[in-house]
């Protein structure tokens, strides 16, 4: 299990003082609530901690959760990723919308002729373009996408746990998996994360 030091400290604090509020945890670490927010979010998403309104944080059968899911968290992303859903930069917005709904995904990756990632476009981006009076059949998707370097990606050598932490920290729906040549070889999404945790637990 590749928890960072702060996350391990939080687990120990909750274990000793549960139920405990986020402010009390922050005080024990001599940090602000904002500084530990992403760590708490990761631990709750992984079902290690349980956040109870007006009560605080408690452990959620920690030992059982860790022993049962450790093998999943430490897997390389290449073993659990799905194939990437991509379109070329010159594809039309209309064709991209069709592909998004045909593939039933929330995000499409945009690639150049060398299969290198150049941008990402979401369901929300495409909705804005289709409602804004744009000639979507004649407008290339690269005019609406979010471009590098304003994108979050993950290396093929990363672990499942690292992918979870990046998705939670940056509040995104999916990550393109990039190999050494910077080519898009897969994707990790919230749906994939949940599917693998449920499958192996």
Protein backbone atom coordinates (compact mmCIF):
# COMPACT_ATOMS: atom_id res chain seq x y z
CA UNK A 1 0.00 0.00 0.00
CA UNK A 2 1.64 3.21 -1.09
CA UNK A 3 0.19 5.70 1.34
CA UNK A 4 2.29 8.82 1.83
CA UNK A 5 3.56 9.78 5.29
CA UNK A 6 0.76 12.26 5.95
CA UNK A 7 -1.91 9.71 5.07
CA UNK A 8 -0.30 7.16 7.40
CA UNK A 9 -0.20 9.78 10.17
CA UNK A 10 -3.88 10.58 9.60
CA UNK A 11 -4.81 6.89 9.83
CA UNK A 12 -2.95 6.57 13.12
CA UNK A 13 -4.54 9.74 14.53
CA UNK A 14 -8.04 8.54 13.61
CA UNK A 15 -7.28 5.08 14.97
CA UNK A 16 -6.35 6.55 18.36
CA UNK A 17 -8.96 9.31 18.66
CA UNK A 18 -11.99 8.34 16.58
CA UNK A 19 -14.40 9.90 15.99
CA UNK A 20 -12.36 13.00 15.24
CA UNK A 21 -13.02 16.11 13.17
CA UNK A 22 -10.86 17.29 10.27
CA UNK A 23 -9.92 20.38 12.31
CA UNK A 24 -8.74 18.21 15.20
CA UNK A 25 -6.70 16.07 12.79
CA UNK A 26 -5.18 19.18 11.26
CA UNK A 27 -4.31 20.53 14.71
CA UNK A 28 -2.51 17.30 15.64
CA UNK A 29 -0.48 17.53 12.44
CA UNK A 30 0.14 21.27 12.94
CA UNK A 31 -1.39 21.93 9.53
CA UNK A 32 -4.46 23.68 8.14
CA UNK A 33 -7.65 21.83 7.18
CA UNK A 34 -7.00 22.83 3.57
CA UNK A 35 -3.58 21.15 3.63
CA UNK A 36 -5.04 17.76 4.57
CA UNK A 37 -8.27 17.96 2.56
CA UNK A 38 -6.98 15.93 -0.41
CA UNK A 39 -5.46 13.26 1.86
CA UNK A 40 -8.73 12.85 3.75
CA UNK A 41 -10.61 12.68 0.46
CA UNK A 42 -8.31 9.92 -0.83
CA UNK A 43 -8.70 7.87 2.36
CA UNK A 44 -12.49 8.22 2.26
CA UNK A 45 -12.62 7.31 -1.45
CA UNK A 46 -10.54 4.22 -0.71
CA UNK A 47 -12.99 3.31 2.05
CA UNK A 48 -10.24 3.39 4.68
CA UNK A 49 -11.91 6.24 6.57
CA UNK A 50 -15.59 6.99 6.97
CA UNK A 51 -16.74 10.61 7.25
CA UNK A 52 -19.81 10.94 9.44
CA UNK A 53 -21.63 14.30 9.37
CA UNK A 54 -21.53 16.14 12.72
CA UNK A 55 -19.52 13.23 14.16
CA UNK A 56 -16.15 13.15 12.43
CA UNK A 57 -13.83 10.60 10.86
CA UNK A 58 -13.66 6.96 11.90
CA UNK A 59 -11.79 3.92 10.63
CA UNK A 60 -13.77 1.68 8.33
CA UNK A 61 -12.47 -1.80 9.24
CA UNK A 62 -8.96 -0.72 8.28
CA UNK A 63 -7.07 -3.99 8.58
CA UNK A 64 -9.58 -5.89 6.45
CA UNK A 65 -9.71 -3.18 3.83
CA UNK A 66 -5.92 -2.93 3.47
CA UNK A 67 -5.27 -6.67 3.34
CA UNK A 68 -8.09 -7.22 0.86
CA UNK A 69 -7.26 -4.38 -1.51
CA UNK A 70 -3.48 -4.06 -1.31
CA UNK A 71 -2.95 -6.21 -4.38
CA UNK A 72 -5.19 -3.87 -6.40
CA UNK A 73 -3.65 -0.60 -5.22
CA UNK A 74 -0.13 -1.71 -6.07
CA UNK A 75 -0.93 -2.92 -9.58
CA UNK A 76 0.53 -0.92 -12.49
CA UNK A 77 -2.11 1.11 -14.29
CA UNK A 78 -1.39 -0.82 -17.49
CA UNK A 79 -3.04 -3.90 -15.94
CA UNK A 80 -6.34 -2.21 -15.17
CA UNK A 81 -6.66 0.61 -17.71
CA UNK A 82 -9.22 0.60 -20.51
CA UNK A 83 -8.35 1.40 -24.12
CA UNK A 84 -8.18 5.15 -24.81
CA UNK A 85 -11.04 6.83 -26.62
CA UNK A 86 -9.36 9.25 -29.03
CA UNK A 87 -10.02 11.41 -32.06
CA UNK A 88 -7.61 13.31 -34.27
CA UNK A 89 -7.13 17.06 -33.98
CA UNK A 90 -8.91 17.75 -37.26
CA UNK A 91 -12.00 15.70 -36.43
CA UNK A 92 -15.18 17.76 -36.28
CA UNK A 93 -16.93 18.61 -33.04
CA UNK A 94 -20.02 16.83 -34.36
CA UNK A 95 -18.12 13.58 -35.01
CA UNK A 96 -16.50 13.85 -31.57
CA UNK A 97 -19.91 14.19 -29.91
CA UNK A 98 -21.13 11.10 -31.77
CA UNK A 99 -18.07 9.13 -30.65
CA UNK A 100 -18.45 10.27 -27.04
CA UNK A 101 -22.01 8.98 -26.86
CA UNK A 102 -21.30 5.82 -28.85
CA UNK A 103 -18.45 4.94 -26.47
CA UNK A 104 -20.40 6.14 -23.41
CA UNK A 105 -17.50 8.09 -21.89
CA UNK A 106 -17.25 11.52 -20.30
CA UNK A 107 -13.97 12.57 -21.92
CA UNK A 108 -12.33 12.21 -25.32
CA UNK A 109 -8.56 12.43 -25.81
CA UNK A 110 -7.28 14.40 -28.79
CA UNK A 111 -4.16 13.12 -30.55
CA UNK A 112 -1.94 14.18 -33.43
CA UNK A 113 -0.79 12.04 -36.35
CA UNK A 114 1.88 10.43 -34.12
CA UNK A 115 -0.71 9.36 -31.51
CA UNK A 116 0.69 11.88 -29.05
CA UNK A 117 -1.75 13.63 -26.74
CA UNK A 118 -2.43 17.25 -27.65
CA UNK A 119 -5.67 17.90 -25.81
CA UNK A 120 -8.75 16.67 -23.95
CA UNK A 121 -12.40 17.57 -24.40
CA UNK A 122 -15.19 16.79 -21.98
CA UNK A 123 -18.92 16.24 -22.29
CA UNK A 124 -19.45 19.72 -20.83
CA UNK A 125 -17.10 21.33 -23.39
CA UNK A 126 -18.92 19.68 -26.26
CA UNK A 127 -22.31 20.71 -24.87
CA UNK A 128 -21.17 24.33 -24.69
CA UNK A 129 -20.00 24.25 -28.31
CA UNK A 130 -23.18 22.62 -29.59
CA UNK A 131 -25.40 25.17 -27.80
CA UNK A 132 -23.34 28.21 -28.71
CA UNK A 133 -24.33 28.52 -32.34
CA UNK A 134 -21.09 26.94 -33.63
CA UNK A 135 -21.19 25.06 -36.94
CA UNK A 136 -20.19 21.85 -35.18
CA UNK A 137 -20.04 19.76 -38.37
CA UNK A 138 -17.45 22.10 -39.85
CA UNK A 139 -15.48 23.09 -36.75
CA UNK A 140 -12.43 20.98 -35.79
CA UNK A 141 -12.34 19.73 -32.23
CA UNK A 142 -8.92 21.29 -31.62
CA UNK A 143 -10.60 24.70 -31.42
CA UNK A 144 -12.58 23.64 -28.35
CA UNK A 145 -10.24 21.25 -26.51
CA UNK A 146 -8.14 21.91 -23.42
CA UNK A 147 -4.54 21.88 -24.57
CA UNK A 148 -1.23 20.77 -23.15
CA UNK A 149 0.26 21.68 -20.72
CA UNK A 150 -3.06 22.27 -18.91
CA UNK A 151 -3.78 18.54 -18.79
CA UNK A 152 -3.30 15.83 -16.19
CA UNK A 153 -1.78 12.56 -17.37
CA UNK A 154 -0.25 9.51 -15.72
CA UNK A 155 2.74 7.42 -16.75
CA UNK A 156 2.36 3.79 -17.73
CA UNK A 157 4.76 2.89 -14.89
CA UNK A 158 2.49 4.41 -12.20
CA UNK A 159 0.40 2.34 -9.80
CA UNK A 160 -3.37 2.18 -9.45
CA UNK A 161 -3.02 3.98 -6.10
CA UNK A 162 -1.14 6.86 -7.73
CA UNK A 163 -3.88 7.16 -10.35
CA UNK A 164 -6.55 7.32 -7.64
CA UNK A 165 -4.65 10.02 -5.77
CA UNK A 166 -4.19 12.13 -8.91
CA UNK A 167 -7.87 11.87 -9.90
CA UNK A 168 -9.06 12.77 -6.40
CA UNK A 169 -6.55 15.58 -5.86
CA UNK A 170 -7.28 17.28 -9.18
CA UNK A 171 -11.04 16.56 -9.16
CA UNK A 172 -11.10 15.10 -12.67
CA UNK A 173 -13.05 12.23 -14.22
CA UNK A 174 -10.30 10.44 -16.12
CA UNK A 175 -6.59 10.30 -16.89
CA UNK A 176 -4.84 9.43 -20.15
CA UNK A 177 -2.09 6.84 -19.64
CA UNK A 178 1.11 7.87 -21.45
CA UNK A 179 4.06 5.67 -22.42
CA UNK A 180 7.75 6.60 -22.77
CA UNK A 181 7.13 7.96 -26.28
CA UNK A 182 4.36 10.20 -24.92
CA UNK A 183 1.76 8.21 -26.82
CA UNK A 184 -1.70 7.63 -25.34
CA UNK A 185 -2.00 3.91 -24.59
CA UNK A 186 -4.95 3.80 -22.18
CA UNK A 187 -7.24 5.60 -19.76
CA UNK A 188 -8.09 5.42 -16.07
CA UNK A 189 -11.44 6.82 -14.96
CA UNK A 190 -13.54 6.97 -11.80
CA UNK A 191 -15.69 4.19 -13.23
CA UNK A 192 -12.64 1.97 -13.80
CA UNK A 193 -11.42 2.66 -10.26
CA UNK A 194 -14.76 1.71 -8.70
CA UNK A 195 -15.08 -1.36 -10.93
CA UNK A 196 -11.68 -2.71 -9.87
CA UNK A 197 -12.14 -2.01 -6.17
CA UNK A 198 -15.54 -3.74 -6.13
CA UNK A 199 -14.28 -6.66 -8.20
CA UNK A 200 -11.39 -7.41 -5.84
CA UNK A 201 -13.16 -6.77 -2.58
